[in-house]
Structures are given as C-alpha cells and as structure tokens.
PDB file of N, CA and C in Angstrom:
ATOM      1  N   UNK A   1       1.096  -1.228  -0.134  1.00  0.00           N
ATOM      2  CA  UNK A   1      -0.045   0.254   0.115  1.00  0.00           C
ATOM      3  C   UNK A   1       0.879   1.285   0.010  1.00  0.00           C
ATOM      4  N   UNK A   2       0.610   1.983  -0.825  1.00  0.00           N
ATOM      5  CA  UNK A   2       1.484   3.629  -0.871  1.00  0.00           C
ATOM      6  C   UNK A   2       0.950   4.644  -0.034  1.00  0.00           C
ATOM      7  N   UNK A   3       1.989   4.949   0.717  1.00  0.00           N
ATOM      8  CA  UNK A   3       1.658   5.791   1.960  1.00  0.00           C
ATOM      9  C   UNK A   3       1.406   7.279   1.208  1.00  0.00           C
ATOM     10  N   UNK A   4       1.793   7.852  -0.074  1.00  0.00           N
ATOM     11  CA  UNK A   4       1.170   8.881  -0.546  1.00  0.00           C
ATOM     12  C   UNK A   4       0.263   8.911  -1.578  1.00  0.00           C
ATOM     13  N   UNK A   5      -1.069   9.589  -1.604  1.00  0.00           N
ATOM     14  CA  UNK A   5      -2.020   9.691  -2.604  1.00  0.00           C
ATOM     15  C   UNK A   5      -1.858  11.018  -3.133  1.00  0.00           C
ATOM     16  N   UNK A   6      -2.336  11.088  -4.096  1.00  0.00           N
ATOM     17  CA  UNK A   6      -2.312  12.503  -5.229  1.00  0.00           C
ATOM     18  C   UNK A   6      -4.096  12.096  -6.000  1.00  0.00           C
ATOM     19  N   UNK A   7      -4.701  13.748  -5.437  1.00  0.00           N
ATOM     20  CA  UNK A   7      -6.017  12.931  -6.090  1.00  0.00           C
ATOM     21  C   UNK A   7      -5.616  14.297  -7.113  1.00  0.00           C
ATOM     22  N   UNK A   8      -6.039  14.070  -8.293  1.00  0.00           N
ATOM     23  CA  UNK A   8      -5.901  15.369  -9.767  1.00  0.00           C
ATOM     24  C   UNK A   8      -6.940  15.241 -10.403  1.00  0.00           C
ATOM     25  N   UNK A   9      -7.057  15.721 -11.469  1.00  0.00           N
ATOM     26  CA  UNK A   9      -7.550  15.867 -12.875  1.00  0.00           C
ATOM     27  C   UNK A   9      -6.537  15.933 -13.940  1.00  0.00           C
ATOM     28  N   UNK A  10      -6.970  15.291 -14.980  1.00  0.00           N
ATOM     29  CA  UNK A  10      -6.498  15.763 -16.115  1.00  0.00           C
ATOM     30  C   UNK A  10      -6.516  17.085 -16.630  1.00  0.00           C
ATOM     31  N   UNK A  11      -5.053  17.284 -17.093  1.00  0.00           N
ATOM     32  CA  UNK A  11      -5.041  18.875 -17.992  1.00  0.00           C
ATOM     33  C   UNK A  11      -4.700  19.771 -17.142  1.00  0.00           C
ATOM     34  N   UNK A  12      -4.724  19.234 -15.180  1.00  0.00           N
ATOM     35  CA  UNK A  12      -4.429  20.202 -14.409  1.00  0.00           C
ATOM     36  C   UNK A  12      -3.019  20.958 -14.175  1.00  0.00           C
ATOM     37  N   UNK A  13      -2.186  22.034 -14.535  1.00  0.00           N
ATOM     38  CA  UNK A  13      -0.870  22.262 -14.761  1.00  0.00           C
ATOM     39  C   UNK A  13      -0.254  22.221 -13.301  1.00  0.00           C
ATOM     40  N   UNK A  14      -1.005  22.432 -12.227  1.00  0.00           N
ATOM     41  CA  UNK A  14      -0.466  22.378 -10.883  1.00  0.00           C
ATOM     42  C   UNK A  14      -0.711  20.924 -10.337  1.00  0.00           C
ATOM     43  N   UNK A  15      -1.217  19.728 -10.972  1.00  0.00           N
ATOM     44  CA  UNK A  15      -1.560  18.774 -10.830  1.00  0.00           C
ATOM     45  C   UNK A  15      -0.316  17.862 -11.388  1.00  0.00           C
ATOM     46  N   UNK A  16       0.635  18.505 -12.521  1.00  0.00           N
ATOM     47  CA  UNK A  16       1.370  18.017 -13.332  1.00  0.00           C
ATOM     48  C   UNK A  16       2.622  18.646 -12.379  1.00  0.00           C
ATOM     49  N   UNK A  17       2.672  19.860 -11.393  1.00  0.00           N
ATOM     50  CA  UNK A  17       3.846  20.401 -10.991  1.00  0.00           C
ATOM     51  C   UNK A  17       3.694  19.381  -9.476  1.00  0.00           C
ATOM     52  N   UNK A  18       2.773  18.955  -8.733  1.00  0.00           N
ATOM     53  CA  UNK A  18       2.423  18.319  -7.712  1.00  0.00           C
ATOM     54  C   UNK A  18       3.021  16.543  -8.340  1.00  0.00           C
ATOM     55  N   UNK A  19       2.413  16.484  -9.263  1.00  0.00           N
ATOM     56  CA  UNK A  19       3.386  15.045  -9.359  1.00  0.00           C
ATOM     57  C   UNK A  19       4.695  14.737  -9.378  1.00  0.00           C
ATOM     58  N   UNK A  20       5.250  15.745 -10.086  1.00  0.00           N
ATOM     59  CA  UNK A  20       6.842  15.505 -10.525  1.00  0.00           C
ATOM     60  C   UNK A  20       7.654  15.817  -9.128  1.00  0.00           C
ATOM     61  N   UNK A  21       6.844  16.717  -8.277  1.00  0.00           N
ATOM     62  CA  UNK A  21       7.381  16.577  -6.710  1.00  0.00           C
ATOM     63  C   UNK A  21       7.519  15.621  -5.961  1.00  0.00           C
ATOM     64  N   UNK A  22       6.331  15.066  -6.138  1.00  0.00           N
ATOM     65  CA  UNK A  22       5.810  13.418  -5.403  1.00  0.00           C
ATOM     66  C   UNK A  22       6.861  12.575  -6.041  1.00  0.00           C
ATOM     67  N   UNK A  23       6.924  12.243  -7.447  1.00  0.00           N
ATOM     68  CA  UNK A  23       7.959  11.321  -7.831  1.00  0.00           C
ATOM     69  C   UNK A  23       8.981  11.379  -7.534  1.00  0.00           C
ATOM     70  N   UNK A  24       9.846  12.278  -7.733  1.00  0.00           N
ATOM     71  CA  UNK A  24      11.264  12.667  -6.894  1.00  0.00           C
ATOM     72  C   UNK A  24      11.028  12.383  -5.467  1.00  0.00           C
ATOM     73  N   UNK A  25      10.461  12.850  -4.518  1.00  0.00           N
ATOM     74  CA  UNK A  25      10.551  12.425  -3.379  1.00  0.00           C
ATOM     75  C   UNK A  25      10.312  10.901  -3.441  1.00  0.00           C
ATOM     76  N   UNK A  26       9.095  10.600  -3.486  1.00  0.00           N
ATOM     77  CA  UNK A  26       8.964   9.047  -3.347  1.00  0.00           C
ATOM     78  C   UNK A  26       9.868   8.041  -4.050  1.00  0.00           C
ATOM     79  N   UNK A  27      11.280   8.480  -5.004  1.00  0.00           N
ATOM     80  CA  UNK A  27      11.926   8.106  -5.738  1.00  0.00           C
ATOM     81  C   UNK A  27      13.423   7.859  -4.797  1.00  0.00           C
ATOM     82  N   UNK A  28      13.361   9.017  -4.312  1.00  0.00           N
ATOM     83  CA  UNK A  28      14.552   9.218  -3.574  1.00  0.00           C
ATOM     84  C   UNK A  28      14.294   8.438  -2.101  1.00  0.00           C
ATOM     85  N   UNK A  29      13.071   8.531  -1.540  1.00  0.00           N
ATOM     86  CA  UNK A  29      12.872   7.406  -0.219  1.00  0.00           C
ATOM     87  C   UNK A  29      12.304   5.906  -0.492  1.00  0.00           C
ATOM     88  N   UNK A  30      12.167   5.804  -1.518  1.00  0.00           N
ATOM     89  CA  UNK A  30      11.944   4.359  -2.015  1.00  0.00           C
ATOM     90  C   UNK A  30      10.322   4.094  -1.424  1.00  0.00           C
ATOM     91  N   UNK A  31       9.726   4.942  -1.481  1.00  0.00           N
ATOM     92  CA  UNK A  31       8.020   5.141  -1.379  1.00  0.00           C
ATOM     93  C   UNK A  31       7.603   5.080  -2.881  1.00  0.00           C
ATOM     94  N   UNK A  32       6.201   4.281  -2.657  1.00  0.00           N
ATOM     95  CA  UNK A  32       5.429   4.636  -3.904  1.00  0.00           C
ATOM     96  C   UNK A  32       4.243   5.615  -3.483  1.00  0.00           C
ATOM     97  N   UNK A  33       3.652   5.834  -4.704  1.00  0.00           N
ATOM     98  CA  UNK A  33       2.592   6.778  -4.850  1.00  0.00           C
ATOM     99  C   UNK A  33       1.233   6.199  -5.459  1.00  0.00           C
ATOM    100  N   UNK A  34       0.008   6.514  -5.010  1.00  0.00           N
ATOM    101  CA  UNK A  34      -1.032   6.301  -5.765  1.00  0.00           C
ATOM    102  C   UNK A  34      -1.479   7.550  -6.433  1.00  0.00           C
ATOM    103  N   UNK A  35      -2.461   7.925  -7.421  1.00  0.00           N
ATOM    104  CA  UNK A  35      -2.600   8.974  -8.049  1.00  0.00           C
ATOM    105  C   UNK A  35      -4.571   8.540  -8.466  1.00  0.00           C
ATOM    106  N   UNK A  36      -5.221   9.078  -8.354  1.00  0.00           N
ATOM    107  CA  UNK A  36      -6.560   9.067  -8.127  1.00  0.00           C
ATOM    108  C   UNK A  36      -7.223  10.509  -8.891  1.00  0.00           C
ATOM    109  N   UNK A  37      -7.999  10.219 -10.264  1.00  0.00           N
ATOM    110  CA  UNK A  37      -8.373  11.385 -10.740  1.00  0.00           C
ATOM    111  C   UNK A  37      -9.606  11.761 -10.046  1.00  0.00           C
ATOM    112  N   UNK A  38      -9.813  12.866  -9.726  1.00  0.00           N
ATOM    113  CA  UNK A  38     -11.369  12.968  -9.035  1.00  0.00           C
ATOM    114  C   UNK A  38     -12.662  13.244  -9.914  1.00  0.00           C
ATOM    115  N   UNK A  39     -12.157  13.485 -11.017  1.00  0.00           N
ATOM    116  CA  UNK A  39     -13.156  13.085 -12.376  1.00  0.00           C
ATOM    117  C   UNK A  39     -13.999  11.833 -12.451  1.00  0.00           C
ATOM    118  N   UNK A  40     -13.461  10.809 -12.179  1.00  0.00           N
ATOM    119  CA  UNK A  40     -13.965   9.214 -12.038  1.00  0.00           C
ATOM    120  C   UNK A  40     -14.680   9.056 -10.945  1.00  0.00           C
ATOM    121  N   UNK A  41     -14.904   9.837 -10.013  1.00  0.00           N
ATOM    122  CA  UNK A  41     -15.710  10.118  -8.425  1.00  0.00           C
ATOM    123  C   UNK A  41     -16.491  10.859  -8.313  1.00  0.00           C
ATOM    124  N   UNK A  42     -17.929  10.855  -8.458  1.00  0.00           N
ATOM    125  CA  UNK A  42     -18.850  12.058  -8.182  1.00  0.00           C
ATOM    126  C   UNK A  42     -18.026  12.620  -6.633  1.00  0.00           C
ATOM    127  N   UNK A  43     -18.399  11.553  -5.432  1.00  0.00           N
ATOM    128  CA  UNK A  43     -18.022  11.943  -4.292  1.00  0.00           C
ATOM    129  C   UNK A  43     -16.697  12.847  -3.812  1.00  0.00           C
ATOM    130  N   UNK A  44     -15.745  12.373  -4.641  1.00  0.00           N
ATOM    131  CA  UNK A  44     -14.172  12.952  -4.822  1.00  0.00           C
ATOM    132  C   UNK A  44     -14.112  14.088  -5.048  1.00  0.00           C
ATOM    133  N   UNK A  45     -14.936  14.567  -6.455  1.00  0.00           N
ATOM    134  CA  UNK A  45     -14.947  15.788  -6.948  1.00  0.00           C
ATOM    135  C   UNK A  45     -15.842  16.717  -6.313  1.00  0.00           C
ATOM    136  N   UNK A  46     -16.601  16.099  -5.440  1.00  0.00           N
ATOM    137  CA  UNK A  46     -17.692  17.182  -4.852  1.00  0.00           C
ATOM    138  C   UNK A  46     -16.854  17.354  -3.529  1.00  0.00           C
ATOM    139  N   UNK A  47     -16.088  16.294  -3.226  1.00  0.00           N
ATOM    140  CA  UNK A  47     -15.063  16.858  -1.640  1.00  0.00           C
ATOM    141  C   UNK A  47     -14.195  17.985  -1.894  1.00  0.00           C
ATOM    142  N   UNK A  48     -13.579  17.660  -3.365  1.00  0.00           N
ATOM    143  CA  UNK A  48     -12.070  18.196  -3.170  1.00  0.00           C
ATOM    144  C   UNK A  48     -12.690  19.750  -4.471  1.00  0.00           C
ATOM    145  N   UNK A  49     -13.622  19.060  -5.342  1.00  0.00           N
ATOM    146  CA  UNK A  49     -13.837  20.644  -6.226  1.00  0.00           C
ATOM    147  C   UNK A  49     -12.547  21.146  -7.029  1.00  0.00           C
ATOM    148  N   UNK A  50     -12.406  22.322  -6.494  1.00  0.00           N
ATOM    149  CA  UNK A  50     -11.054  23.138  -7.035  1.00  0.00           C
ATOM    150  C   UNK A  50      -9.718  23.597  -6.190  1.00  0.00           C
ATOM    151  N   UNK A  51      -9.948  22.059  -5.364  1.00  0.00           N
ATOM    152  CA  UNK A  51      -8.570  22.179  -4.273  1.00  0.00           C
ATOM    153  C   UNK A  51      -7.499  21.441  -4.775  1.00  0.00           C
ATOM    154  N   UNK A  52      -7.900  20.876  -6.222  1.00  0.00           N
ATOM    155  CA  UNK A  52      -6.844  20.132  -6.706  1.00  0.00           C
ATOM    156  C   UNK A  52      -5.641  20.626  -6.735  1.00  0.00           C
ATOM    157  N   UNK A  53      -4.312  20.298  -6.692  1.00  0.00           N
ATOM    158  CA  UNK A  53      -4.234  18.655  -6.448  1.00  0.00           C
ATOM    159  C   UNK A  53      -3.667  18.485  -4.952  1.00  0.00           C
ATOM    160  N   UNK A  54      -4.487  17.571  -5.030  1.00  0.00           N
ATOM    161  CA  UNK A  54      -4.773  17.113  -3.068  1.00  0.00           C
ATOM    162  C   UNK A  54      -3.712  15.992  -2.850  1.00  0.00           C
ATOM    163  N   UNK A  55      -2.797  16.467  -1.826  1.00  0.00           N
ATOM    164  CA  UNK A  55      -2.165  15.265  -1.515  1.00  0.00           C
ATOM    165  C   UNK A  55      -2.268  14.697  -0.117  1.00  0.00           C
ATOM    166  N   UNK A  56      -2.506  13.279  -0.325  1.00  0.00           N
ATOM    167  CA  UNK A  56      -2.748  12.805   1.436  1.00  0.00           C
ATOM    168  C   UNK A  56      -1.438  11.642   1.716  1.00  0.00           C
ATOM    169  N   UNK A  57      -0.842  11.777   2.861  1.00  0.00           N
ATOM    170  CA  UNK A  57       0.154  10.727   3.729  1.00  0.00           C
ATOM    171  C   UNK A  57      -0.530   9.987   4.612  1.00  0.00           C
ATOM    172  N   UNK A  58      -0.239   8.663   4.485  1.00  0.00           N
ATOM    173  CA  UNK A  58      -0.628   8.147   5.435  1.00  0.00           C
ATOM    174  C   UNK A  58      -2.377   8.211   5.706  1.00  0.00           C
ATOM    175  N   UNK A  59      -2.701   8.401   4.437  1.00  0.00           N
ATOM    176  CA  UNK A  59      -4.661   8.819   4.941  1.00  0.00           C
ATOM    177  C   UNK A  59      -4.978   9.840   5.506  1.00  0.00           C
ATOM    178  N   UNK A  60      -3.799  10.982   5.899  1.00  0.00           N
ATOM    179  CA  UNK A  60      -4.572  11.977   6.156  1.00  0.00           C
ATOM    180  C   UNK A  60      -4.278  13.139   5.315  1.00  0.00           C
ATOM    181  N   UNK A  61      -4.750  14.314   5.066  1.00  0.00           N
ATOM    182  CA  UNK A  61      -4.292  15.257   4.156  1.00  0.00           C
ATOM    183  C   UNK A  61      -3.660  16.112   4.685  1.00  0.00           C
ATOM    184  N   UNK A  62      -2.254  16.527   3.529  1.00  0.00           N
ATOM    185  CA  UNK A  62      -1.201  16.780   3.540  1.00  0.00           C
ATOM    186  C   UNK A  62      -1.151  18.038   3.200  1.00  0.00           C
ATOM    187  N   UNK A  63      -1.611  18.156   1.827  1.00  0.00           N
ATOM    188  CA  UNK A  63      -1.189  19.557   1.512  1.00  0.00           C
ATOM    189  C   UNK A  63      -2.176  19.852  -0.049  1.00  0.00           C
ATOM    190  N   UNK A  64      -2.396  20.863  -0.279  1.00  0.00           N
ATOM    191  CA  UNK A  64      -3.270  21.101  -1.392  1.00  0.00           C
ATOM    192  C   UNK A  64      -2.793  22.332  -2.360  1.00  0.00           C
ATOM    193  N   UNK A  65      -3.118  22.305  -3.664  1.00  0.00           N
ATOM    194  CA  UNK A  65      -2.694  23.214  -4.664  1.00  0.00           C
ATOM    195  C   UNK A  65      -1.231  22.701  -4.753  1.00  0.00           C
ATOM    196  N   UNK A  66      -0.735  23.084  -3.893  1.00  0.00           N
ATOM    197  CA  UNK A  66       1.063  22.967  -4.314  1.00  0.00           C
ATOM    198  C   UNK A  66       1.444  21.936  -3.191  1.00  0.00           C
ATOM    199  N   UNK A  67       2.808  21.362  -3.718  1.00  0.00           N
ATOM    200  CA  UNK A  67       3.298  20.104  -2.813  1.00  0.00           C
ATOM    201  C   UNK A  67       4.453  20.685  -2.387  1.00  0.00           C
ATOM    202  N   UNK A  68       5.131  20.967  -1.262  1.00  0.00           N
ATOM    203  CA  UNK A  68       6.101  21.405  -0.795  1.00  0.00           C
ATOM    204  C   UNK A  68       7.079  20.095  -0.471  1.00  0.00           C
ATOM    205  N   UNK A  69       8.266  20.510  -1.215  1.00  0.00           N
ATOM    206  CA  UNK A  69       8.999  19.030  -1.038  1.00  0.00           C
ATOM    207  C   UNK A  69       9.754  18.696  -0.080  1.00  0.00           C
ATOM    208  N   UNK A  70       9.985  20.065   0.839  1.00  0.00           N
ATOM    209  CA  UNK A  70      10.764  19.737   2.266  1.00  0.00           C
ATOM    210  C   UNK A  70       9.664  19.252   3.036  1.00  0.00           C
ATOM    211  N   UNK A  71       8.713  19.568   3.029  1.00  0.00           N
ATOM    212  CA  UNK A  71       7.433  19.261   3.948  1.00  0.00           C
ATOM    213  C   UNK A  71       7.017  17.610   3.431  1.00  0.00           C
ATOM    214  N   UNK A  72       6.855  17.243   2.419  1.00  0.00           N
ATOM    215  CA  UNK A  72       6.515  16.066   2.056  1.00  0.00           C
ATOM    216  C   UNK A  72       7.747  14.968   2.443  1.00  0.00           C
ATOM    217  N   UNK A  73       9.157  15.232   2.084  1.00  0.00           N
ATOM    218  CA  UNK A  73      10.222  14.578   2.758  1.00  0.00           C
ATOM    219  C   UNK A  73       9.986  14.141   4.514  1.00  0.00           C
ATOM    220  N   UNK A  74       9.853  15.299   5.010  1.00  0.00           N
ATOM    221  CA  UNK A  74       9.724  15.386   6.279  1.00  0.00           C
ATOM    222  C   UNK A  74       8.548  14.196   6.997  1.00  0.00           C
ATOM    223  N   UNK A  75       7.363  14.479   6.172  1.00  0.00           N
ATOM    224  CA  UNK A  75       6.499  13.643   6.467  1.00  0.00           C
ATOM    225  C   UNK A  75       6.769  12.000   6.345  1.00  0.00           C
ATOM    226  N   UNK A  76       7.242  12.104   5.317  1.00  0.00           N
ATOM    227  CA  UNK A  76       7.448  10.620   4.911  1.00  0.00           C
ATOM    228  C   UNK A  76       8.389   9.947   5.987  1.00  0.00           C
ATOM    229  N   UNK A  77       9.875  10.831   6.494  1.00  0.00           N
ATOM    230  CA  UNK A  77      10.948  10.344   6.958  1.00  0.00           C
ATOM    231  C   UNK A  77      10.667  10.405   8.588  1.00  0.00           C
ATOM    232  N   UNK A  78       9.342  11.148   8.901  1.00  0.00           N
ATOM    233  CA  UNK A  78       9.285  11.531  10.280  1.00  0.00           C
ATOM    234  C   UNK A  78       8.330   9.809  11.001  1.00  0.00           C
TER     235      UNK A  78
END
C-alpha cells in the first residue's frame, strides 16, 4: 500500500507540478504513490472540487494546490 495519494484531474497544470515533486521525493525515499482522478468519482469531485491537487500521506490530508518538497520529505521520514 502506498503512503502517498495524489488526487488530481487530467489537464491540471498544478497537478503536473505536484506529480513531479511527489515522484522525485518518493523515488529518493523508496516510497510508492497512487494517483486518483477526482473526475472518476462524483464524491471526490464534490469533496475536493477546485482544491486539486490534493495530497494525502498515510491517509491524512497533507497539502492542496502545491506540494512542498521539504514538507513531504519530512512527513515520509518522520
């Protein structure tokens, strides 16, 4: 099970930026991540709406809109 989940939607430039940070950090730390499109689930679309991308770490919301690389590293190493 991946510790990081990225909720995103196709064509979102902030999602692309977040994905790049998450991929880099997870690769460095030997972690995996999952990506879920909110467009595929009406409940997620209603919950997150325009706050995407949303990042969860260990099942808890960590960030939205932007992913801070140092903060994500600290959460995964802590």
